[in-house]
Structure formats: structure tokens, C-alpha cells
């Protein structure tokens, strides 16, 4: 279920107008929702990249002396592609 929240905020009008122009959106609400989606997507990708780097480092430390058919990076990429 999608919840909605009504709020009053003061926005930089020039910034909102520029966002409206660039996005082609028809309303301020649409621009703000798009901006929030982009922000959430960006932060989610950022967290996944950080998590990937940490998992790769840990895996490389644990497998450093083993002879593997695939590098730890290849194993993680394959795992990520599977879902």
C-alpha cells in the first residue's frame, strides 16, 4: 500500500522552475516525486557499490592463498547477476 503525506515546505522557486523545465513535468509535485525517486535510486546504488566492495575485499582476504578457477570478483558478479 502506498502512503501519501501532505506537508508544507519552502522551496527555492528558481530551482523548482528549472527542474520543471528540465524534467518536462506538469506540476511541482511531479518534479519533487521524480527528484525523490532519483535520490533514493542513487543512494541505493551507492549502498550496493559499498556493500559489493566490502564483500569483494572480504572474499579476497579469505581466498588469497587458494587457487581458484574464477577470481572473487567474477564469483560476486555471477552471484549478483543471478539475483
PDB file of N, CA and C in Angstrom:
ATOM      1  N   UNK A   1       0.832  -1.168   0.000  1.00  0.00           N
ATOM      2  CA  UNK A   1       0.000   0.000   0.000  1.00  0.00           C
ATOM      3  C   UNK A   1       0.887   1.245   0.000  1.00  0.00           C
ATOM      4  N   UNK A   2       0.596   2.167  -0.867  1.00  0.00           N
ATOM      5  CA  UNK A   2       1.372   3.391  -0.965  1.00  0.00           C
ATOM      6  C   UNK A   2       0.729   4.444  -0.087  1.00  0.00           C
ATOM      7  N   UNK A   3       1.523   5.001   0.804  1.00  0.00           N
ATOM      8  CA  UNK A   3       1.017   6.052   1.679  1.00  0.00           C
ATOM      9  C   UNK A   3       1.392   7.413   1.124  1.00  0.00           C
ATOM     10  N   UNK A   4       0.573   8.368   1.399  1.00  0.00           N
ATOM     11  CA  UNK A   4       0.838   9.733   0.975  1.00  0.00           C
ATOM     12  C   UNK A   4       0.942  10.606   2.213  1.00  0.00           C
ATOM     13  N   UNK A   5       1.754  11.643   2.091  1.00  0.00           N
ATOM     14  CA  UNK A   5       1.946  12.538   3.210  1.00  0.00           C
ATOM     15  C   UNK A   5       1.798  13.964   2.705  1.00  0.00           C
ATOM     16  N   UNK A   6       0.979  14.708   3.350  1.00  0.00           N
ATOM     17  CA  UNK A   6       0.798  16.105   2.997  1.00  0.00           C
ATOM     18  C   UNK A   6       1.723  16.928   3.877  1.00  0.00           C
ATOM     19  N   UNK A   7       2.463  17.862   3.248  1.00  0.00           N
ATOM     20  CA  UNK A   7       3.375  18.699   4.002  1.00  0.00           C
ATOM     21  C   UNK A   7       3.534  20.043   3.321  1.00  0.00           C
ATOM     22  N   UNK A   8       3.892  21.023   4.072  1.00  0.00           N
ATOM     23  CA  UNK A   8       4.196  22.347   3.533  1.00  0.00           C
ATOM     24  C   UNK A   8       5.681  22.597   3.727  1.00  0.00           C
ATOM     25  N   UNK A   9       6.356  22.940   2.635  1.00  0.00           N
ATOM     26  CA  UNK A   9       7.783  23.239   2.721  1.00  0.00           C
ATOM     27  C   UNK A   9       8.079  24.466   1.866  1.00  0.00           C
ATOM     28  N   UNK A  10       9.128  25.155   2.215  1.00  0.00           N
ATOM     29  CA  UNK A  10       9.567  26.314   1.449  1.00  0.00           C
ATOM     30  C   UNK A  10      10.667  25.835   0.512  1.00  0.00           C
ATOM     31  N   UNK A  11      10.455  26.049  -0.784  1.00  0.00           N
ATOM     32  CA  UNK A  11      11.413  25.604  -1.796  1.00  0.00           C
ATOM     33  C   UNK A  11      11.993  26.804  -2.535  1.00  0.00           C
ATOM     34  N   UNK A  12      13.178  26.631  -3.047  1.00  0.00           N
ATOM     35  CA  UNK A  12      13.803  27.644  -3.886  1.00  0.00           C
ATOM     36  C   UNK A  12      13.040  27.665  -5.205  1.00  0.00           C
ATOM     37  N   UNK A  13      12.300  28.736  -5.448  1.00  0.00           N
ATOM     38  CA  UNK A  13      11.418  28.802  -6.614  1.00  0.00           C
ATOM     39  C   UNK A  13      12.192  28.709  -7.928  1.00  0.00           C
ATOM     40  N   UNK A  14      13.354  29.352  -8.005  1.00  0.00           N
ATOM     41  CA  UNK A  14      14.150  29.278  -9.235  1.00  0.00           C
ATOM     42  C   UNK A  14      14.592  27.840  -9.505  1.00  0.00           C
ATOM     43  N   UNK A  15      14.955  27.135  -8.461  1.00  0.00           N
ATOM     44  CA  UNK A  15      15.379  25.736  -8.613  1.00  0.00           C
ATOM     45  C   UNK A  15      14.215  24.858  -9.062  1.00  0.00           C
ATOM     46  N   UNK A  16      13.045  25.092  -8.479  1.00  0.00           N
ATOM     47  CA  UNK A  16      11.859  24.322  -8.866  1.00  0.00           C
ATOM     48  C   UNK A  16      11.496  24.611 -10.322  1.00  0.00           C
ATOM     49  N   UNK A  17      11.549  25.869 -10.730  1.00  0.00           N
ATOM     50  CA  UNK A  17      11.233  26.223 -12.115  1.00  0.00           C
ATOM     51  C   UNK A  17      12.223  25.577 -13.085  1.00  0.00           C
ATOM     52  N   UNK A  18      13.487  25.573 -12.730  1.00  0.00           N
ATOM     53  CA  UNK A  18      14.500  24.921 -13.582  1.00  0.00           C
ATOM     54  C   UNK A  18      14.245  23.415 -13.669  1.00  0.00           C
ATOM     55  N   UNK A  19      13.897  22.820 -12.538  1.00  0.00           N
ATOM     56  CA  UNK A  19      13.588  21.387 -12.522  1.00  0.00           C
ATOM     57  C   UNK A  19      12.360  21.095 -13.384  1.00  0.00           C
ATOM     58  N   UNK A  20      11.348  21.944 -13.300  1.00  0.00           N
ATOM     59  CA  UNK A  20      10.153  21.778 -14.141  1.00  0.00           C
ATOM     60  C   UNK A  20      10.532  21.838 -15.619  1.00  0.00           C
ATOM     61  N   UNK A  21      11.363  22.810 -15.965  1.00  0.00           N
ATOM     62  CA  UNK A  21      11.773  22.975 -17.360  1.00  0.00           C
ATOM     63  C   UNK A  21      12.563  21.760 -17.852  1.00  0.00           C
ATOM     64  N   UNK A  22      13.495  21.301 -17.043  1.00  0.00           N
ATOM     65  CA  UNK A  22      14.344  20.182 -17.449  1.00  0.00           C
ATOM     66  C   UNK A  22      13.602  18.853 -17.503  1.00  0.00           C
ATOM     67  N   UNK A  23      12.676  18.668 -16.571  1.00  0.00           N
ATOM     68  CA  UNK A  23      12.001  17.372 -16.486  1.00  0.00           C
ATOM     69  C   UNK A  23      10.831  17.248 -17.445  1.00  0.00           C
ATOM     70  N   UNK A  24      10.244  18.372 -17.796  1.00  0.00           N
ATOM     71  CA  UNK A  24       9.037  18.309 -18.616  1.00  0.00           C
ATOM     72  C   UNK A  24       7.810  17.933 -17.810  1.00  0.00           C
ATOM     73  N   UNK A  25       7.957  17.873 -16.501  1.00  0.00           N
ATOM     74  CA  UNK A  25       6.827  17.528 -15.637  1.00  0.00           C
ATOM     75  C   UNK A  25       5.796  18.650 -15.688  1.00  0.00           C
ATOM     76  N   UNK A  26       4.565  18.302 -15.372  1.00  0.00           N
ATOM     77  CA  UNK A  26       3.483  19.278 -15.438  1.00  0.00           C
ATOM     78  C   UNK A  26       3.195  19.946 -14.103  1.00  0.00           C
ATOM     79  N   UNK A  27       3.755  19.424 -13.029  1.00  0.00           N
ATOM     80  CA  UNK A  27       3.457  20.002 -11.723  1.00  0.00           C
ATOM     81  C   UNK A  27       4.689  19.948 -10.822  1.00  0.00           C
ATOM     82  N   UNK A  28       4.667  20.791  -9.810  1.00  0.00           N
ATOM     83  CA  UNK A  28       5.749  20.784  -8.822  1.00  0.00           C
ATOM     84  C   UNK A  28       5.776  19.452  -8.087  1.00  0.00           C
ATOM     85  N   UNK A  29       4.613  18.921  -7.811  1.00  0.00           N
ATOM     86  CA  UNK A  29       4.529  17.634  -7.120  1.00  0.00           C
ATOM     87  C   UNK A  29       5.244  16.546  -7.929  1.00  0.00           C
ATOM     88  N   UNK A  30       5.010  16.522  -9.240  1.00  0.00           N
ATOM     89  CA  UNK A  30       5.652  15.519 -10.095  1.00  0.00           C
ATOM     90  C   UNK A  30       7.170  15.680 -10.088  1.00  0.00           C
ATOM     91  N   UNK A  31       7.627  16.926 -10.107  1.00  0.00           N
ATOM     92  CA  UNK A  31       9.073  17.178 -10.075  1.00  0.00           C
ATOM     93  C   UNK A  31       9.666  16.690  -8.762  1.00  0.00           C
ATOM     94  N   UNK A  32       9.008  16.983  -7.666  1.00  0.00           N
ATOM     95  CA  UNK A  32       9.523  16.577  -6.358  1.00  0.00           C
ATOM     96  C   UNK A  32       9.509  15.059  -6.214  1.00  0.00           C
ATOM     97  N   UNK A  33       8.453  14.407  -6.684  1.00  0.00           N
ATOM     98  CA  UNK A  33       8.410  12.944  -6.623  1.00  0.00           C
ATOM     99  C   UNK A  33       9.514  12.330  -7.467  1.00  0.00           C
ATOM    100  N   UNK A  34       9.743  12.896  -8.657  1.00  0.00           N
ATOM    101  CA  UNK A  34      10.824  12.389  -9.505  1.00  0.00           C
ATOM    102  C   UNK A  34      12.175  12.601  -8.825  1.00  0.00           C
ATOM    103  N   UNK A  35      12.362  13.767  -8.227  1.00  0.00           N
ATOM    104  CA  UNK A  35      13.622  14.051  -7.535  1.00  0.00           C
ATOM    105  C   UNK A  35      13.838  13.071  -6.380  1.00  0.00           C
ATOM    106  N   UNK A  36      12.788  12.778  -5.643  1.00  0.00           N
ATOM    107  CA  UNK A  36      12.917  11.814  -4.544  1.00  0.00           C
ATOM    108  C   UNK A  36      13.238  10.418  -5.058  1.00  0.00           C
ATOM    109  N   UNK A  37      12.599  10.018  -6.164  1.00  0.00           N
ATOM    110  CA  UNK A  37      12.906   8.697  -6.742  1.00  0.00           C
ATOM    111  C   UNK A  37      14.356   8.615  -7.184  1.00  0.00           C
ATOM    112  N   UNK A  38      14.831   9.664  -7.855  1.00  0.00           N
ATOM    113  CA  UNK A  38      16.221   9.686  -8.321  1.00  0.00           C
ATOM    114  C   UNK A  38      17.173   9.630  -7.132  1.00  0.00           C
ATOM    115  N   UNK A  39      16.866  10.386  -6.082  1.00  0.00           N
ATOM    116  CA  UNK A  39      17.699  10.393  -4.885  1.00  0.00           C
ATOM    117  C   UNK A  39      17.756   9.007  -4.249  1.00  0.00           C
ATOM    118  N   UNK A  40      16.599   8.379  -4.087  1.00  0.00           N
ATOM    119  CA  UNK A  40      16.543   7.046  -3.481  1.00  0.00           C
ATOM    120  C   UNK A  40      17.294   6.033  -4.352  1.00  0.00           C
ATOM    121  N   UNK A  41      17.097   6.080  -5.668  1.00  0.00           N
ATOM    122  CA  UNK A  41      17.828   5.178  -6.563  1.00  0.00           C
ATOM    123  C   UNK A  41      19.333   5.386  -6.443  1.00  0.00           C
ATOM    124  N   UNK A  42      19.744   6.643  -6.431  1.00  0.00           N
ATOM    125  CA  UNK A  42      21.174   6.964  -6.343  1.00  0.00           C
ATOM    126  C   UNK A  42      21.766   6.422  -5.037  1.00  0.00           C
ATOM    127  N   UNK A  43      21.092   6.676  -3.922  1.00  0.00           N
ATOM    128  CA  UNK A  43      21.598   6.212  -2.632  1.00  0.00           C
ATOM    129  C   UNK A  43      21.588   4.686  -2.547  1.00  0.00           C
ATOM    130  N   UNK A  44      20.574   4.043  -3.133  1.00  0.00           N
ATOM    131  CA  UNK A  44      20.515   2.580  -3.135  1.00  0.00           C
ATOM    132  C   UNK A  44      21.692   1.999  -3.910  1.00  0.00           C
ATOM    133  N   UNK A  45      21.977   2.570  -5.076  1.00  0.00           N
ATOM    134  CA  UNK A  45      23.117   2.105  -5.866  1.00  0.00           C
ATOM    135  C   UNK A  45      24.430   2.348  -5.122  1.00  0.00           C
ATOM    136  N   UNK A  46      24.527   3.482  -4.468  1.00  0.00           N
ATOM    137  CA  UNK A  46      25.717   3.806  -3.696  1.00  0.00           C
ATOM    138  C   UNK A  46      25.935   2.769  -2.589  1.00  0.00           C
ATOM    139  N   UNK A  47      24.881   2.422  -1.881  1.00  0.00           N
ATOM    140  CA  UNK A  47      24.984   1.415  -0.807  1.00  0.00           C
ATOM    141  C   UNK A  47      25.377   0.054  -1.372  1.00  0.00           C
ATOM    142  N   UNK A  48      24.780  -0.317  -2.527  1.00  0.00           N
ATOM    143  CA  UNK A  48      25.137  -1.606  -3.147  1.00  0.00           C
ATOM    144  C   UNK A  48      26.596  -1.621  -3.561  1.00  0.00           C
ATOM    145  N   UNK A  49      27.105  -0.500  -4.110  1.00  0.00           N
ATOM    146  CA  UNK A  49      28.519  -0.439  -4.503  1.00  0.00           C
ATOM    147  C   UNK A  49      29.415  -0.593  -3.282  1.00  0.00           C
ATOM    148  N   UNK A  50      29.061   0.091  -2.186  1.00  0.00           N
ATOM    149  CA  UNK A  50      29.855  -0.024  -0.958  1.00  0.00           C
ATOM    150  C   UNK A  50      29.823  -1.452  -0.438  1.00  0.00           C
ATOM    151  N   UNK A  51      28.655  -2.058  -0.447  1.00  0.00           N
ATOM    152  CA  UNK A  51      28.500  -3.432   0.020  1.00  0.00           C
ATOM    153  C   UNK A  51      29.306  -4.382  -0.864  1.00  0.00           C
ATOM    154  N   UNK A  52      29.249  -4.169  -2.173  1.00  0.00           N
ATOM    155  CA  UNK A  52      29.985  -5.020  -3.105  1.00  0.00           C
ATOM    156  C   UNK A  52      31.483  -4.919  -2.831  1.00  0.00           C
ATOM    157  N   UNK A  53      31.984  -3.696  -2.654  1.00  0.00           N
ATOM    158  CA  UNK A  53      33.413  -3.505  -2.408  1.00  0.00           C
ATOM    159  C   UNK A  53      33.834  -4.187  -1.114  1.00  0.00           C
ATOM    160  N   UNK A  54      33.017  -4.073  -0.080  1.00  0.00           N
ATOM    161  CA  UNK A  54      33.339  -4.703   1.200  1.00  0.00           C
ATOM    162  C   UNK A  54      33.320  -6.229   1.074  1.00  0.00           C
ATOM    163  N   UNK A  55      32.298  -6.768   0.388  1.00  0.00           N
ATOM    164  CA  UNK A  55      32.220  -8.228   0.219  1.00  0.00           C
ATOM    165  C   UNK A  55      33.382  -8.734  -0.619  1.00  0.00           C
ATOM    166  N   UNK A  56      33.764  -7.982  -1.656  1.00  0.00           N
ATOM    167  CA  UNK A  56      34.874  -8.390  -2.503  1.00  0.00           C
ATOM    168  C   UNK A  56      36.177  -8.399  -1.710  1.00  0.00           C
ATOM    169  N   UNK A  57      36.410  -7.379  -0.909  1.00  0.00           N
ATOM    170  CA  UNK A  57      37.627  -7.337  -0.084  1.00  0.00           C
ATOM    171  C   UNK A  57      37.670  -8.506   0.891  1.00  0.00           C
ATOM    172  N   UNK A  58      36.550  -8.782   1.539  1.00  0.00           N
ATOM    173  CA  UNK A  58      36.494  -9.897   2.489  1.00  0.00           C
ATOM    174  C   UNK A  58      36.743 -11.227   1.785  1.00  0.00           C
ATOM    175  N   UNK A  59      36.146 -11.392   0.630  1.00  0.00           N
ATOM    176  CA  UNK A  59      36.323 -12.630  -0.122  1.00  0.00           C
ATOM    177  C   UNK A  59      37.769 -12.781  -0.589  1.00  0.00           C
ATOM    178  N   UNK A  60      38.369 -11.702  -1.026  1.00  0.00           N
ATOM    179  CA  UNK A  60      39.766 -11.767  -1.466  1.00  0.00           C
ATOM    180  C   UNK A  60      40.703 -12.094  -0.302  1.00  0.00           C
ATOM    181  N   UNK A  61      40.406 -11.564   0.884  1.00  0.00           N
ATOM    182  CA  UNK A  61      41.229 -11.896   2.064  1.00  0.00           C
ATOM    183  C   UNK A  61      41.119 -13.380   2.408  1.00  0.00           C
ATOM    184  N   UNK A  62      39.901 -13.912   2.327  1.00  0.00           N
ATOM    185  CA  UNK A  62      39.696 -15.319   2.695  1.00  0.00           C
ATOM    186  C   UNK A  62      40.249 -16.286   1.660  1.00  0.00           C
ATOM    187  N   UNK A  63      40.286 -15.870   0.395  1.00  0.00           N
ATOM    188  CA  UNK A  63      40.692 -16.796  -0.667  1.00  0.00           C
ATOM    189  C   UNK A  63      42.051 -16.452  -1.263  1.00  0.00           C
ATOM    190  N   UNK A  64      42.765 -15.544  -0.632  1.00  0.00           N
ATOM    191  CA  UNK A  64      44.030 -15.056  -1.177  1.00  0.00           C
ATOM    192  C   UNK A  64      45.039 -16.138  -1.528  1.00  0.00           C
ATOM    193  N   UNK A  65      45.111 -17.200  -0.751  1.00  0.00           N
ATOM    194  CA  UNK A  65      46.128 -18.234  -0.976  1.00  0.00           C
ATOM    195  C   UNK A  65      45.594 -19.441  -1.723  1.00  0.00           C
ATOM    196  N   UNK A  66      44.325 -19.415  -2.111  1.00  0.00           N
ATOM    197  CA  UNK A  66      43.740 -20.549  -2.817  1.00  0.00           C
ATOM    198  C   UNK A  66      43.881 -20.393  -4.326  1.00  0.00           C
ATOM    199  N   UNK A  67      43.988 -21.505  -5.006  1.00  0.00           N
ATOM    200  CA  UNK A  67      43.993 -21.495  -6.473  1.00  0.00           C
ATOM    201  C   UNK A  67      42.544 -21.669  -6.928  1.00  0.00           C
ATOM    202  N   UNK A  68      41.979 -20.626  -7.463  1.00  0.00           N
ATOM    203  CA  UNK A  68      40.578 -20.642  -7.867  1.00  0.00           C
ATOM    204  C   UNK A  68      40.443 -20.620  -9.389  1.00  0.00           C
ATOM    205  N   UNK A  69      39.340 -21.209  -9.878  1.00  0.00           N
ATOM    206  CA  UNK A  69      39.055 -21.151 -11.308  1.00  0.00           C
ATOM    207  C   UNK A  69      38.560 -19.771 -11.712  1.00  0.00           C
ATOM    208  N   UNK A  70      37.923 -19.074 -10.755  1.00  0.00           N
ATOM    209  CA  UNK A  70      37.415 -17.731 -11.010  1.00  0.00           C
ATOM    210  C   UNK A  70      37.950 -16.784  -9.944  1.00  0.00           C
ATOM    211  N   UNK A  71      38.112 -15.534 -10.301  1.00  0.00           N
ATOM    212  CA  UNK A  71      38.518 -14.551  -9.308  1.00  0.00           C
ATOM    213  C   UNK A  71      37.329 -14.268  -8.390  1.00  0.00           C
ATOM    214  N   UNK A  72      37.575 -13.778  -7.195  1.00  0.00           N
ATOM    215  CA  UNK A  72      36.460 -13.421  -6.308  1.00  0.00           C
ATOM    216  C   UNK A  72      35.492 -12.428  -6.961  1.00  0.00           C
ATOM    217  N   UNK A  73      36.024 -11.495  -7.738  1.00  0.00           N
ATOM    218  CA  UNK A  73      35.161 -10.537  -8.433  1.00  0.00           C
ATOM    219  C   UNK A  73      34.224 -11.215  -9.409  1.00  0.00           C
ATOM    220  N   UNK A  74      34.723 -12.201 -10.129  1.00  0.00           N
ATOM    221  CA  UNK A  74      33.884 -12.939 -11.084  1.00  0.00           C
ATOM    222  C   UNK A  74      32.792 -13.721 -10.359  1.00  0.00           C
ATOM    223  N   UNK A  75      33.140 -14.299  -9.213  1.00  0.00           N
ATOM    224  CA  UNK A  75      32.160 -15.044  -8.423  1.00  0.00           C
ATOM    225  C   UNK A  75      31.049 -14.113  -7.939  1.00  0.00           C
ATOM    226  N   UNK A  76      31.424 -12.945  -7.419  1.00  0.00           N
ATOM    227  CA  UNK A  76      30.425 -11.992  -6.931  1.00  0.00           C
ATOM    228  C   UNK A  76      29.559 -11.442  -8.066  1.00  0.00           C
ATOM    229  N   UNK A  77      30.168 -11.166  -9.222  1.00  0.00           N
ATOM    230  CA  UNK A  77      29.383 -10.673 -10.365  1.00  0.00           C
ATOM    231  C   UNK A  77      28.364 -11.716 -10.805  1.00  0.00           C
ATOM    232  N   UNK A  78      28.786 -12.976 -10.862  1.00  0.00           N
ATOM    233  CA  UNK A  78      27.870 -14.043 -11.249  1.00  0.00           C
ATOM    234  C   UNK A  78      26.731 -14.165 -10.236  1.00  0.00           C
ATOM    235  N   UNK A  79      27.079 -14.044  -8.962  1.00  0.00           N
ATOM    236  CA  UNK A  79      26.055 -14.110  -7.914  1.00  0.00           C
ATOM    237  C   UNK A  79      25.082 -12.936  -8.043  1.00  0.00           C
ATOM    238  N   UNK A  80      25.598 -11.762  -8.302  1.00  0.00           N
ATOM    239  CA  UNK A  80      24.760 -10.571  -8.448  1.00  0.00           C
ATOM    240  C   UNK A  80      23.821 -10.714  -9.657  1.00  0.00           C
ATOM    241  N   UNK A  81      24.320 -11.271 -10.751  1.00  0.00           N
ATOM    242  CA  UNK A  81      23.505 -11.433 -11.956  1.00  0.00           C
ATOM    243  C   UNK A  81      22.397 -12.452 -11.765  1.00  0.00           C
ATOM    244  N   UNK A  82      22.619 -13.444 -10.884  1.00  0.00           N
ATOM    245  CA  UNK A  82      21.595 -14.447 -10.622  1.00  0.00           C
ATOM    246  C   UNK A  82      20.449 -13.874  -9.808  1.00  0.00           C
ATOM    247  N   UNK A  83      20.690 -12.767  -9.135  1.00  0.00           N
ATOM    248  CA  UNK A  83      19.562 -12.175  -8.404  1.00  0.00           C
ATOM    249  C   UNK A  83      19.928 -11.758  -7.087  1.00  0.00           C
TER     250      UNK A  83
END
